[in-house]
Amino acid sequence: MSSPLVEKSAQHVEMRLNHDLSGHDWFHTYRVWQLARYLQSKEGGDSETIEVAALLHCAAEHDLRSMQNERLRSYTLMGILDVLEIDGVLRENIIAIAQWCHYKGRDTQRPTTLEGKIVQDANFLETMGAIGIARAFTAGGYLGRSIHDPAASPLPFTSGETYQRRKREGTSINYIYEKPLQLMAFLNTNEAKRLAEKRIAFTKLFLDEFHREWKLEDV
């Protein structure tokens, strides 16, 4: 049974993200929340901190501007925390966890708390597998990038600055190489790593089939 604060946070985020078209919608948040709850049941940690942080991890990413502007995203998150009347240590923990949830290539921050590790793992798992592929193309359409360009090669394990630029200006296929396939190295918990193995395997199968069909090798 979740706490009143968790329920209040869930209601606020669902209302806020219900019509999002970037792949950071309520359904994404709900899955991260449930994954985080599952990982907490296996790994431990403070359940309320984990649940509220999972619910708020991308609540500030409600439009293109906030997705691309870290300062605006931070101000928006603090405003949400004010509305939910979250302060003190819990507020500080949620702000830190939200930062840890942002993938920045080789500059990605490693969480220093168990709660942060669990929420980061839950969020990163959402970028892998069938759901991750669907979200990659949804975000690609939202950002206006192309599906694929055979002349453009992926640049795995880029810096944070390069990753952010490539996310906007690259292709969705290259994005899958540049983020989902790199995330296994950043997972923190054993259970998340176990879940990721199947999702990564499926992602690789999809890419193999995509390139085969792109070249009409199936004809």
N, C-alpha and C. Protein backbone atom coordinates (compact mmCIF):
# COMPACT_ATOMS: atom_id res chain seq x y z
N MET A 1 0.86 -1.20 0.00
CA MET A 1 0.00 0.00 0.00
C MET A 1 0.89 1.24 0.00
N SER A 2 0.72 2.10 -0.99
CA SER A 2 1.54 3.30 -1.10
C SER A 2 1.08 4.36 -0.11
N SER A 3 1.99 5.27 0.24
CA SER A 3 1.69 6.33 1.19
C SER A 3 0.82 7.40 0.53
N PRO A 4 0.16 8.26 1.34
CA PRO A 4 -0.64 9.35 0.78
C PRO A 4 0.17 10.26 -0.14
N LEU A 5 1.46 10.50 0.19
CA LEU A 5 2.29 11.35 -0.66
C LEU A 5 2.53 10.70 -2.02
N VAL A 6 2.74 9.40 -2.02
CA VAL A 6 2.93 8.69 -3.28
C VAL A 6 1.68 8.80 -4.15
N GLU A 7 0.52 8.58 -3.54
CA GLU A 7 -0.73 8.66 -4.29
C GLU A 7 -0.97 10.08 -4.82
N LYS A 8 -0.67 11.07 -4.00
CA LYS A 8 -0.82 12.47 -4.42
C LYS A 8 0.12 12.79 -5.57
N SER A 9 1.35 12.30 -5.48
CA SER A 9 2.33 12.52 -6.55
C SER A 9 1.89 11.85 -7.84
N ALA A 10 1.37 10.63 -7.74
CA ALA A 10 0.92 9.89 -8.92
C ALA A 10 -0.21 10.64 -9.62
N GLN A 11 -1.16 11.16 -8.85
CA GLN A 11 -2.28 11.89 -9.43
C GLN A 11 -1.80 13.16 -10.14
N HIS A 12 -0.86 13.86 -9.51
CA HIS A 12 -0.34 15.10 -10.10
C HIS A 12 0.40 14.82 -11.40
N VAL A 13 1.26 13.80 -11.39
CA VAL A 13 2.06 13.50 -12.58
C VAL A 13 1.18 12.97 -13.71
N GLU A 14 0.20 12.13 -13.39
CA GLU A 14 -0.69 11.62 -14.43
C GLU A 14 -1.41 12.78 -15.12
N MET A 15 -1.89 13.74 -14.35
CA MET A 15 -2.57 14.90 -14.93
C MET A 15 -1.61 15.72 -15.78
N ARG A 16 -0.39 15.83 -15.33
CA ARG A 16 0.60 16.67 -16.01
C ARG A 16 1.09 16.05 -17.32
N LEU A 17 1.27 14.75 -17.34
CA LEU A 17 1.91 14.08 -18.47
C LEU A 17 0.95 13.28 -19.34
N ASN A 18 -0.33 13.35 -19.05
CA ASN A 18 -1.31 12.49 -19.72
C ASN A 18 -1.33 12.67 -21.24
N HIS A 19 -1.00 13.88 -21.72
CA HIS A 19 -1.06 14.16 -23.15
C HIS A 19 0.33 14.37 -23.76
N ASP A 20 1.36 13.94 -23.08
CA ASP A 20 2.72 14.10 -23.59
C ASP A 20 2.91 13.24 -24.84
N LEU A 21 3.65 13.76 -25.82
CA LEU A 21 3.88 13.05 -27.08
C LEU A 21 5.36 12.74 -27.31
N SER A 22 6.19 12.95 -26.29
CA SER A 22 7.64 12.80 -26.48
C SER A 22 8.17 11.43 -26.08
N GLY A 23 7.30 10.58 -25.52
CA GLY A 23 7.77 9.31 -24.97
C GLY A 23 8.02 9.38 -23.48
N HIS A 24 7.88 10.59 -22.90
CA HIS A 24 8.00 10.78 -21.46
C HIS A 24 6.60 10.97 -20.85
N ASP A 25 5.66 10.16 -21.30
CA ASP A 25 4.28 10.33 -20.90
C ASP A 25 3.98 9.62 -19.58
N TRP A 26 2.69 9.64 -19.18
CA TRP A 26 2.29 9.02 -17.93
C TRP A 26 2.56 7.51 -17.94
N PHE A 27 2.35 6.87 -19.08
CA PHE A 27 2.54 5.42 -19.12
C PHE A 27 4.01 5.05 -18.91
N HIS A 28 4.92 5.87 -19.45
CA HIS A 28 6.35 5.67 -19.17
C HIS A 28 6.61 5.83 -17.69
N THR A 29 6.09 6.91 -17.10
CA THR A 29 6.30 7.16 -15.68
C THR A 29 5.72 6.03 -14.84
N TYR A 30 4.54 5.56 -15.21
CA TYR A 30 3.91 4.47 -14.45
C TYR A 30 4.78 3.22 -14.49
N ARG A 31 5.32 2.88 -15.65
CA ARG A 31 6.17 1.68 -15.75
C ARG A 31 7.44 1.85 -14.92
N VAL A 32 8.06 3.03 -14.96
CA VAL A 32 9.25 3.27 -14.13
C VAL A 32 8.90 3.13 -12.66
N TRP A 33 7.77 3.67 -12.27
CA TRP A 33 7.29 3.57 -10.88
C TRP A 33 7.15 2.10 -10.48
N GLN A 34 6.49 1.31 -11.31
CA GLN A 34 6.28 -0.09 -10.97
C GLN A 34 7.58 -0.89 -11.00
N LEU A 35 8.46 -0.60 -11.94
CA LEU A 35 9.77 -1.25 -11.95
C LEU A 35 10.56 -0.91 -10.70
N ALA A 36 10.50 0.36 -10.29
CA ALA A 36 11.21 0.78 -9.08
C ALA A 36 10.66 0.07 -7.85
N ARG A 37 9.35 -0.07 -7.77
CA ARG A 37 8.73 -0.79 -6.66
C ARG A 37 9.21 -2.25 -6.64
N TYR A 38 9.27 -2.84 -7.81
CA TYR A 38 9.73 -4.23 -7.90
C TYR A 38 11.20 -4.36 -7.46
N LEU A 39 12.04 -3.46 -7.96
CA LEU A 39 13.46 -3.52 -7.58
C LEU A 39 13.64 -3.27 -6.09
N GLN A 40 12.83 -2.37 -5.54
CA GLN A 40 12.91 -2.11 -4.09
C GLN A 40 12.56 -3.37 -3.30
N SER A 41 11.61 -4.14 -3.80
CA SER A 41 11.23 -5.38 -3.10
C SER A 41 12.36 -6.40 -3.09
N LYS A 42 13.26 -6.28 -4.06
CA LYS A 42 14.40 -7.20 -4.15
C LYS A 42 15.66 -6.65 -3.49
N GLU A 43 15.84 -5.33 -3.57
CA GLU A 43 17.10 -4.72 -3.17
C GLU A 43 17.02 -3.93 -1.86
N GLY A 44 15.81 -3.54 -1.43
CA GLY A 44 15.68 -2.73 -0.22
C GLY A 44 15.64 -1.24 -0.54
N GLY A 45 15.91 -0.42 0.46
CA GLY A 45 15.85 1.03 0.31
C GLY A 45 14.54 1.59 0.83
N ASP A 46 14.48 2.91 1.02
CA ASP A 46 13.29 3.57 1.53
C ASP A 46 12.23 3.62 0.43
N SER A 47 11.10 2.96 0.66
CA SER A 47 10.10 2.79 -0.38
C SER A 47 9.46 4.12 -0.79
N GLU A 48 9.17 5.01 0.17
CA GLU A 48 8.51 6.27 -0.20
C GLU A 48 9.43 7.13 -1.05
N THR A 49 10.69 7.23 -0.67
CA THR A 49 11.65 8.00 -1.47
C THR A 49 11.73 7.44 -2.88
N ILE A 50 11.82 6.13 -3.00
CA ILE A 50 11.94 5.49 -4.30
C ILE A 50 10.70 5.74 -5.15
N GLU A 51 9.52 5.57 -4.56
CA GLU A 51 8.29 5.73 -5.33
C GLU A 51 8.07 7.17 -5.77
N VAL A 52 8.24 8.12 -4.86
CA VAL A 52 8.02 9.52 -5.23
C VAL A 52 9.06 9.96 -6.26
N ALA A 53 10.31 9.56 -6.08
CA ALA A 53 11.35 9.94 -7.03
C ALA A 53 11.09 9.33 -8.40
N ALA A 54 10.64 8.08 -8.43
CA ALA A 54 10.31 7.43 -9.71
C ALA A 54 9.18 8.18 -10.40
N LEU A 55 8.19 8.60 -9.64
CA LEU A 55 7.05 9.32 -10.21
C LEU A 55 7.45 10.69 -10.75
N LEU A 56 8.42 11.33 -10.11
CA LEU A 56 8.79 12.70 -10.48
C LEU A 56 10.04 12.77 -11.35
N HIS A 57 10.62 11.62 -11.70
CA HIS A 57 11.93 11.65 -12.36
C HIS A 57 11.92 12.40 -13.69
N CYS A 58 10.79 12.41 -14.40
CA CYS A 58 10.73 13.18 -15.65
C CYS A 58 9.49 14.04 -15.71
N ALA A 59 8.93 14.38 -14.56
CA ALA A 59 7.71 15.20 -14.53
C ALA A 59 7.94 16.59 -15.10
N ALA A 60 9.20 17.03 -15.08
CA ALA A 60 9.50 18.37 -15.60
C ALA A 60 9.69 18.37 -17.12
N GLU A 61 9.74 17.20 -17.74
CA GLU A 61 9.98 17.12 -19.18
C GLU A 61 8.65 17.06 -19.92
N HIS A 62 7.90 18.14 -19.84
CA HIS A 62 6.56 18.16 -20.42
C HIS A 62 6.50 18.87 -21.75
N ASP A 63 7.60 19.46 -22.20
CA ASP A 63 7.62 20.07 -23.52
C ASP A 63 9.04 20.08 -24.05
N LEU A 64 9.19 20.44 -25.33
CA LEU A 64 10.49 20.37 -26.00
C LEU A 64 11.52 21.26 -25.32
N ARG A 65 11.10 22.44 -24.83
CA ARG A 65 12.05 23.36 -24.20
C ARG A 65 12.67 22.76 -22.95
N SER A 66 11.82 22.17 -22.10
CA SER A 66 12.34 21.63 -20.84
C SER A 66 13.15 20.36 -21.07
N MET A 67 12.85 19.62 -22.15
CA MET A 67 13.65 18.44 -22.46
C MET A 67 15.08 18.83 -22.79
N GLN A 68 15.26 20.01 -23.43
CA GLN A 68 16.56 20.41 -23.94
C GLN A 68 17.29 21.42 -23.06
N ASN A 69 16.63 21.91 -22.01
CA ASN A 69 17.22 22.95 -21.17
C ASN A 69 17.27 22.46 -19.73
N GLU A 70 18.46 22.12 -19.27
CA GLU A 70 18.60 21.54 -17.94
C GLU A 70 18.20 22.51 -16.84
N ARG A 71 18.51 23.78 -17.00
CA ARG A 71 18.15 24.77 -15.98
C ARG A 71 16.64 24.93 -15.88
N LEU A 72 15.96 25.01 -17.03
CA LEU A 72 14.51 25.12 -17.02
C LEU A 72 13.88 23.88 -16.40
N ARG A 73 14.44 22.72 -16.71
CA ARG A 73 13.93 21.47 -16.15
C ARG A 73 14.06 21.46 -14.64
N SER A 74 15.17 21.98 -14.13
CA SER A 74 15.40 22.03 -12.69
C SER A 74 14.40 22.96 -12.01
N TYR A 75 14.16 24.14 -12.60
CA TYR A 75 13.20 25.09 -12.03
C TYR A 75 11.80 24.49 -12.03
N THR A 76 11.45 23.79 -13.10
CA THR A 76 10.13 23.19 -13.20
C THR A 76 9.95 22.12 -12.12
N LEU A 77 10.98 21.30 -11.91
CA LEU A 77 10.90 20.26 -10.89
C LEU A 77 10.71 20.88 -9.51
N MET A 78 11.45 21.93 -9.22
CA MET A 78 11.31 22.57 -7.91
C MET A 78 9.90 23.13 -7.71
N GLY A 79 9.30 23.64 -8.80
CA GLY A 79 7.92 24.11 -8.71
C GLY A 79 6.95 22.98 -8.41
N ILE A 80 7.18 21.82 -9.01
CA ILE A 80 6.34 20.65 -8.75
C ILE A 80 6.48 20.22 -7.29
N LEU A 81 7.70 20.23 -6.79
CA LEU A 81 7.94 19.87 -5.39
C LEU A 81 7.23 20.85 -4.45
N ASP A 82 7.19 22.13 -4.82
CA ASP A 82 6.46 23.11 -4.02
C ASP A 82 4.97 22.80 -4.00
N VAL A 83 4.42 22.48 -5.16
CA VAL A 83 2.99 22.16 -5.25
C VAL A 83 2.65 20.96 -4.39
N LEU A 84 3.53 19.96 -4.39
CA LEU A 84 3.30 18.74 -3.62
C LEU A 84 3.72 18.88 -2.16
N GLU A 85 4.25 20.07 -1.81
CA GLU A 85 4.67 20.37 -0.44
C GLU A 85 5.72 19.36 0.05
N ILE A 86 6.69 19.11 -0.81
CA ILE A 86 7.80 18.21 -0.45
C ILE A 86 9.02 19.06 -0.13
N ASP A 87 9.52 18.94 1.09
CA ASP A 87 10.69 19.72 1.48
C ASP A 87 11.65 18.86 2.29
N GLY A 88 12.67 19.51 2.84
CA GLY A 88 13.63 18.81 3.69
C GLY A 88 14.48 17.79 2.94
N VAL A 89 14.83 16.74 3.64
CA VAL A 89 15.73 15.71 3.09
C VAL A 89 15.09 15.02 1.88
N LEU A 90 13.79 14.75 1.95
CA LEU A 90 13.12 14.08 0.84
C LEU A 90 13.23 14.92 -0.43
N ARG A 91 13.04 16.22 -0.30
CA ARG A 91 13.16 17.12 -1.46
C ARG A 91 14.56 17.03 -2.06
N GLU A 92 15.58 17.09 -1.21
CA GLU A 92 16.96 17.02 -1.69
C GLU A 92 17.24 15.69 -2.38
N ASN A 93 16.71 14.62 -1.81
CA ASN A 93 16.93 13.30 -2.40
C ASN A 93 16.26 13.18 -3.77
N ILE A 94 15.06 13.71 -3.92
CA ILE A 94 14.34 13.63 -5.19
C ILE A 94 15.06 14.43 -6.27
N ILE A 95 15.54 15.61 -5.92
CA ILE A 95 16.28 16.44 -6.88
C ILE A 95 17.53 15.70 -7.35
N ALA A 96 18.24 15.08 -6.42
CA ALA A 96 19.45 14.34 -6.78
C ALA A 96 19.12 13.15 -7.67
N ILE A 97 18.09 12.41 -7.32
CA ILE A 97 17.72 11.22 -8.10
C ILE A 97 17.28 11.61 -9.51
N ALA A 98 16.55 12.72 -9.63
CA ALA A 98 16.12 13.18 -10.96
C ALA A 98 17.33 13.48 -11.83
N GLN A 99 18.37 14.05 -11.25
CA GLN A 99 19.60 14.32 -12.00
C GLN A 99 20.28 13.02 -12.42
N TRP A 100 20.31 12.05 -11.53
CA TRP A 100 20.94 10.77 -11.84
C TRP A 100 20.21 10.02 -12.94
N CYS A 101 18.94 10.30 -13.13
CA CYS A 101 18.15 9.60 -14.15
C CYS A 101 18.47 10.05 -15.56
N HIS A 102 19.20 11.15 -15.71
CA HIS A 102 19.51 11.66 -17.04
C HIS A 102 20.79 11.01 -17.57
N TYR A 103 20.65 10.32 -18.69
CA TYR A 103 21.80 9.70 -19.34
C TYR A 103 22.61 10.77 -20.06
N LYS A 104 23.91 10.79 -19.86
CA LYS A 104 24.80 11.79 -20.45
C LYS A 104 26.04 11.12 -21.04
N GLY A 105 25.83 9.96 -21.66
CA GLY A 105 26.98 9.26 -22.23
C GLY A 105 27.98 8.89 -21.15
N ARG A 106 29.24 9.06 -21.45
CA ARG A 106 30.26 8.71 -20.45
C ARG A 106 30.27 9.65 -19.25
N ASP A 107 29.52 10.77 -19.35
CA ASP A 107 29.42 11.71 -18.22
C ASP A 107 28.23 11.40 -17.31
N THR A 108 27.55 10.28 -17.54
CA THR A 108 26.41 9.90 -16.71
C THR A 108 26.84 9.77 -15.26
N GLN A 109 26.05 10.35 -14.37
CA GLN A 109 26.38 10.33 -12.94
C GLN A 109 25.99 9.00 -12.31
N ARG A 110 26.85 8.49 -11.45
CA ARG A 110 26.57 7.28 -10.70
C ARG A 110 25.89 7.65 -9.38
N PRO A 111 24.73 7.08 -9.08
CA PRO A 111 24.05 7.40 -7.82
C PRO A 111 24.89 6.99 -6.61
N THR A 112 24.76 7.77 -5.55
CA THR A 112 25.50 7.47 -4.32
C THR A 112 24.61 6.86 -3.25
N THR A 113 23.31 6.73 -3.54
CA THR A 113 22.39 6.12 -2.58
C THR A 113 21.71 4.92 -3.23
N LEU A 114 21.26 3.99 -2.40
CA LEU A 114 20.54 2.82 -2.91
C LEU A 114 19.26 3.25 -3.61
N GLU A 115 18.56 4.23 -3.04
CA GLU A 115 17.33 4.71 -3.65
C GLU A 115 17.59 5.27 -5.05
N GLY A 116 18.67 6.03 -5.17
CA GLY A 116 19.04 6.58 -6.48
C GLY A 116 19.40 5.49 -7.47
N LYS A 117 20.11 4.48 -7.01
CA LYS A 117 20.49 3.38 -7.90
C LYS A 117 19.26 2.65 -8.43
N ILE A 118 18.28 2.44 -7.56
CA ILE A 118 17.07 1.71 -7.96
C ILE A 118 16.25 2.51 -8.97
N VAL A 119 16.06 3.80 -8.74
CA VAL A 119 15.26 4.61 -9.66
C VAL A 119 16.00 4.78 -10.99
N GLN A 120 17.30 4.98 -10.94
CA GLN A 120 18.07 5.08 -12.18
C GLN A 120 17.96 3.78 -12.98
N ASP A 121 18.08 2.65 -12.31
CA ASP A 121 17.95 1.36 -12.99
C ASP A 121 16.57 1.20 -13.62
N ALA A 122 15.52 1.56 -12.88
CA ALA A 122 14.16 1.44 -13.40
C ALA A 122 13.97 2.30 -14.65
N ASN A 123 14.50 3.51 -14.61
CA ASN A 123 14.39 4.41 -15.75
C ASN A 123 15.19 3.90 -16.94
N PHE A 124 16.39 3.40 -16.70
CA PHE A 124 17.22 2.89 -17.79
C PHE A 124 16.63 1.63 -18.41
N LEU A 125 16.00 0.79 -17.61
CA LEU A 125 15.35 -0.41 -18.16
C LEU A 125 14.26 -0.03 -19.15
N GLU A 126 13.61 1.10 -18.93
CA GLU A 126 12.54 1.57 -19.82
C GLU A 126 13.05 1.98 -21.19
N THR A 127 14.36 2.12 -21.32
CA THR A 127 14.95 2.52 -22.59
C THR A 127 15.37 1.31 -23.41
N MET A 128 15.24 0.13 -22.85
CA MET A 128 15.67 -1.09 -23.51
C MET A 128 14.47 -1.90 -24.00
N GLY A 129 14.73 -2.86 -24.88
CA GLY A 129 13.70 -3.80 -25.31
C GLY A 129 12.66 -3.18 -26.23
N ALA A 130 11.51 -3.85 -26.35
CA ALA A 130 10.46 -3.42 -27.27
C ALA A 130 9.94 -2.03 -26.91
N ILE A 131 9.73 -1.78 -25.61
CA ILE A 131 9.26 -0.47 -25.18
C ILE A 131 10.30 0.60 -25.50
N GLY A 132 11.55 0.30 -25.24
CA GLY A 132 12.61 1.26 -25.53
C GLY A 132 12.69 1.61 -27.01
N ILE A 133 12.51 0.61 -27.87
CA ILE A 133 12.53 0.86 -29.32
C ILE A 133 11.36 1.76 -29.71
N ALA A 134 10.17 1.44 -29.20
CA ALA A 134 9.00 2.26 -29.50
C ALA A 134 9.20 3.70 -29.04
N ARG A 135 9.77 3.87 -27.85
CA ARG A 135 9.99 5.22 -27.32
C ARG A 135 11.05 5.96 -28.12
N ALA A 136 12.06 5.24 -28.64
CA ALA A 136 13.11 5.87 -29.44
C ALA A 136 12.51 6.51 -30.69
N PHE A 137 11.60 5.80 -31.35
CA PHE A 137 11.00 6.35 -32.57
C PHE A 137 9.95 7.41 -32.26
N THR A 138 9.26 7.27 -31.13
CA THR A 138 8.32 8.31 -30.71
C THR A 138 9.07 9.61 -30.44
N ALA A 139 10.14 9.52 -29.67
CA ALA A 139 10.94 10.71 -29.37
C ALA A 139 11.57 11.27 -30.64
N GLY A 140 11.98 10.38 -31.55
CA GLY A 140 12.57 10.83 -32.81
C GLY A 140 11.61 11.67 -33.62
N GLY A 141 10.36 11.22 -33.71
CA GLY A 141 9.37 12.00 -34.43
C GLY A 141 9.09 13.32 -33.74
N TYR A 142 9.06 13.29 -32.42
CA TYR A 142 8.81 14.51 -31.64
C TYR A 142 9.92 15.54 -31.84
N LEU A 143 11.16 15.06 -31.90
CA LEU A 143 12.31 15.95 -32.04
C LEU A 143 12.60 16.29 -33.50
N GLY A 144 11.95 15.57 -34.42
CA GLY A 144 12.14 15.87 -35.84
C GLY A 144 13.36 15.22 -36.46
N ARG A 145 13.87 14.15 -35.88
CA ARG A 145 15.03 13.50 -36.48
C ARG A 145 14.56 12.37 -37.41
N SER A 146 15.43 11.97 -38.33
CA SER A 146 15.09 10.94 -39.31
C SER A 146 15.20 9.56 -38.68
N ILE A 147 14.59 8.57 -39.34
CA ILE A 147 14.67 7.20 -38.85
C ILE A 147 16.07 6.65 -39.00
N HIS A 148 16.64 6.78 -40.21
CA HIS A 148 17.94 6.15 -40.47
C HIS A 148 18.61 6.84 -41.65
N ASP A 149 19.92 6.91 -41.58
CA ASP A 149 20.74 7.40 -42.69
C ASP A 149 21.96 6.50 -42.77
N PRO A 150 22.06 5.65 -43.80
CA PRO A 150 23.19 4.72 -43.89
C PRO A 150 24.55 5.40 -43.89
N ALA A 151 24.59 6.67 -44.28
CA ALA A 151 25.87 7.39 -44.32
C ALA A 151 26.28 7.92 -42.95
N ALA A 152 25.37 7.86 -41.98
CA ALA A 152 25.66 8.39 -40.64
C ALA A 152 25.87 7.24 -39.67
N SER A 153 27.05 7.12 -39.14
CA SER A 153 27.38 6.03 -38.23
C SER A 153 27.14 6.45 -36.78
N PRO A 154 26.75 5.50 -35.93
CA PRO A 154 26.57 5.83 -34.51
C PRO A 154 27.91 6.11 -33.84
N LEU A 155 27.85 6.88 -32.78
CA LEU A 155 29.04 7.21 -32.01
C LEU A 155 28.83 6.74 -30.58
N PRO A 156 29.01 5.46 -30.29
CA PRO A 156 28.76 4.94 -28.94
C PRO A 156 29.63 5.62 -27.89
N PHE A 157 29.05 5.76 -26.72
CA PHE A 157 29.75 6.26 -25.54
C PHE A 157 30.34 7.65 -25.74
N THR A 158 29.49 8.56 -26.18
CA THR A 158 29.90 9.93 -26.40
C THR A 158 29.92 10.71 -25.08
N SER A 159 30.40 11.94 -25.13
CA SER A 159 30.31 12.82 -23.97
C SER A 159 28.86 13.27 -23.81
N GLY A 160 28.55 13.87 -22.67
CA GLY A 160 27.20 14.33 -22.42
C GLY A 160 26.76 15.38 -23.43
N GLU A 161 27.64 16.32 -23.74
CA GLU A 161 27.31 17.38 -24.70
C GLU A 161 27.05 16.81 -26.09
N THR A 162 27.91 15.89 -26.52
CA THR A 162 27.73 15.28 -27.83
C THR A 162 26.47 14.44 -27.88
N TYR A 163 26.19 13.70 -26.80
CA TYR A 163 24.99 12.88 -26.75
C TYR A 163 23.74 13.73 -26.90
N GLN A 164 23.66 14.87 -26.18
CA GLN A 164 22.49 15.73 -26.27
C GLN A 164 22.32 16.29 -27.68
N ARG A 165 23.41 16.65 -28.33
CA ARG A 165 23.31 17.16 -29.70
C ARG A 165 22.88 16.06 -30.65
N ARG A 166 23.46 14.86 -30.49
CA ARG A 166 23.11 13.74 -31.37
C ARG A 166 21.66 13.31 -31.16
N LYS A 167 21.16 13.43 -29.94
CA LYS A 167 19.78 13.06 -29.66
C LYS A 167 18.82 13.90 -30.48
N ARG A 168 19.18 15.16 -30.71
CA ARG A 168 18.33 16.07 -31.48
C ARG A 168 18.61 15.99 -32.97
N GLU A 169 19.88 15.83 -33.35
CA GLU A 169 20.27 15.98 -34.75
C GLU A 169 20.61 14.66 -35.44
N GLY A 170 20.73 13.57 -34.68
CA GLY A 170 21.10 12.29 -35.27
C GLY A 170 19.90 11.56 -35.83
N THR A 171 19.98 10.23 -35.90
CA THR A 171 18.88 9.41 -36.37
C THR A 171 18.39 8.53 -35.22
N SER A 172 17.18 8.02 -35.36
CA SER A 172 16.64 7.18 -34.29
C SER A 172 17.36 5.85 -34.20
N ILE A 173 17.78 5.30 -35.33
CA ILE A 173 18.54 4.04 -35.28
C ILE A 173 19.87 4.26 -34.58
N ASN A 174 20.56 5.34 -34.91
CA ASN A 174 21.83 5.61 -34.23
C ASN A 174 21.63 5.88 -32.74
N TYR A 175 20.50 6.50 -32.40
CA TYR A 175 20.18 6.75 -30.99
C TYR A 175 20.12 5.43 -30.21
N ILE A 176 19.57 4.39 -30.83
CA ILE A 176 19.48 3.10 -30.14
C ILE A 176 20.87 2.55 -29.84
N TYR A 177 21.80 2.74 -30.78
CA TYR A 177 23.18 2.33 -30.52
C TYR A 177 23.83 3.21 -29.45
N GLU A 178 23.49 4.49 -29.46
CA GLU A 178 24.18 5.45 -28.61
C GLU A 178 23.63 5.53 -27.18
N LYS A 179 22.44 4.98 -26.96
CA LYS A 179 21.92 4.97 -25.59
C LYS A 179 21.53 3.58 -25.10
N PRO A 180 20.43 2.99 -25.60
CA PRO A 180 20.00 1.71 -25.02
C PRO A 180 21.08 0.64 -24.97
N LEU A 181 21.87 0.52 -26.01
CA LEU A 181 22.89 -0.53 -26.02
C LEU A 181 24.08 -0.21 -25.12
N GLN A 182 24.15 1.01 -24.60
CA GLN A 182 25.24 1.40 -23.71
C GLN A 182 24.86 1.29 -22.23
N LEU A 183 23.56 1.11 -21.95
CA LEU A 183 23.08 1.27 -20.58
C LEU A 183 23.42 0.11 -19.65
N MET A 184 23.66 -1.07 -20.20
CA MET A 184 24.00 -2.20 -19.34
C MET A 184 25.19 -1.88 -18.43
N ALA A 185 26.13 -1.12 -18.95
CA ALA A 185 27.34 -0.77 -18.19
C ALA A 185 27.04 0.15 -17.02
N PHE A 186 25.85 0.79 -17.02
CA PHE A 186 25.52 1.74 -15.96
C PHE A 186 24.55 1.18 -14.93
N LEU A 187 24.01 0.00 -15.17
CA LEU A 187 23.06 -0.55 -14.21
C LEU A 187 23.73 -0.87 -12.89
N ASN A 188 22.98 -0.69 -11.81
CA ASN A 188 23.55 -0.78 -10.47
C ASN A 188 23.21 -2.09 -9.75
N THR A 189 22.00 -2.57 -9.91
CA THR A 189 21.52 -3.70 -9.11
C THR A 189 21.54 -4.99 -9.91
N ASN A 190 21.74 -6.09 -9.23
CA ASN A 190 21.79 -7.39 -9.90
C ASN A 190 20.47 -7.73 -10.58
N GLU A 191 19.36 -7.39 -9.95
CA GLU A 191 18.06 -7.71 -10.54
C GLU A 191 17.82 -6.91 -11.82
N ALA A 192 18.23 -5.66 -11.83
CA ALA A 192 18.08 -4.85 -13.04
C ALA A 192 18.95 -5.42 -14.17
N LYS A 193 20.13 -5.86 -13.84
CA LYS A 193 21.01 -6.46 -14.86
C LYS A 193 20.40 -7.73 -15.43
N ARG A 194 19.74 -8.50 -14.57
CA ARG A 194 19.09 -9.73 -15.04
C ARG A 194 17.96 -9.39 -16.01
N LEU A 195 17.14 -8.42 -15.65
CA LEU A 195 16.04 -8.02 -16.52
C LEU A 195 16.55 -7.43 -17.84
N ALA A 196 17.67 -6.72 -17.75
CA ALA A 196 18.20 -6.04 -18.94
C ALA A 196 18.72 -7.00 -19.99
N GLU A 197 19.20 -8.15 -19.58
CA GLU A 197 19.81 -9.08 -20.54
C GLU A 197 18.84 -9.44 -21.65
N LYS A 198 17.60 -9.77 -21.31
CA LYS A 198 16.61 -10.14 -22.32
C LYS A 198 16.24 -8.94 -23.18
N ARG A 199 16.11 -7.79 -22.55
CA ARG A 199 15.72 -6.59 -23.31
C ARG A 199 16.81 -6.18 -24.30
N ILE A 200 18.05 -6.25 -23.88
CA ILE A 200 19.16 -5.91 -24.77
C ILE A 200 19.24 -6.91 -25.92
N ALA A 201 19.03 -8.20 -25.62
CA ALA A 201 19.06 -9.22 -26.67
C ALA A 201 18.00 -8.94 -27.72
N PHE A 202 16.79 -8.57 -27.27
CA PHE A 202 15.72 -8.26 -28.22
C PHE A 202 16.08 -7.03 -29.05
N THR A 203 16.66 -6.02 -28.41
CA THR A 203 17.05 -4.80 -29.13
C THR A 203 18.03 -5.13 -30.25
N LYS A 204 18.99 -5.99 -29.97
CA LYS A 204 19.97 -6.37 -30.99
C LYS A 204 19.31 -7.15 -32.13
N LEU A 205 18.35 -8.02 -31.80
CA LEU A 205 17.62 -8.75 -32.83
C LEU A 205 16.86 -7.78 -33.74
N PHE A 206 16.22 -6.78 -33.13
CA PHE A 206 15.49 -5.79 -33.90
C PHE A 206 16.43 -5.05 -34.86
N LEU A 207 17.57 -4.62 -34.36
CA LEU A 207 18.51 -3.88 -35.22
C LEU A 207 19.00 -4.75 -36.38
N ASP A 208 19.28 -6.00 -36.11
CA ASP A 208 19.71 -6.91 -37.18
C ASP A 208 18.63 -7.01 -38.26
N GLU A 209 17.37 -7.19 -37.84
CA GLU A 209 16.27 -7.31 -38.79
C GLU A 209 16.02 -5.99 -39.52
N PHE A 210 16.14 -4.87 -38.81
CA PHE A 210 15.94 -3.57 -39.44
C PHE A 210 16.93 -3.38 -40.59
N HIS A 211 18.19 -3.64 -40.33
CA HIS A 211 19.21 -3.44 -41.36
C HIS A 211 19.02 -4.43 -42.52
N ARG A 212 18.56 -5.62 -42.21
CA ARG A 212 18.32 -6.61 -43.25
C ARG A 212 17.19 -6.13 -44.19
N GLU A 213 16.12 -5.63 -43.61
CA GLU A 213 15.00 -5.15 -44.42
C GLU A 213 15.37 -3.85 -45.13
N TRP A 214 16.15 -2.98 -44.46
CA TRP A 214 16.54 -1.72 -45.07
C TRP A 214 17.31 -1.98 -46.38
N LYS A 215 18.15 -3.00 -46.36
CA LYS A 215 18.93 -3.36 -47.55
C LYS A 215 18.16 -4.30 -48.49
N LEU A 216 16.91 -4.60 -48.15
CA LEU A 216 16.07 -5.52 -48.94
C LEU A 216 16.67 -6.91 -49.05
N GLU A 217 17.42 -7.29 -48.04
CA GLU A 217 18.01 -8.63 -48.03
C GLU A 217 16.98 -9.72 -47.79
N ASP A 218 15.79 -9.32 -47.38
CA ASP A 218 14.72 -10.30 -47.14
C ASP A 218 13.91 -10.57 -48.40
N VAL A 219 14.23 -9.83 -49.47
CA VAL A 219 13.45 -9.97 -50.72
C VAL A 219 14.01 -11.13 -51.56
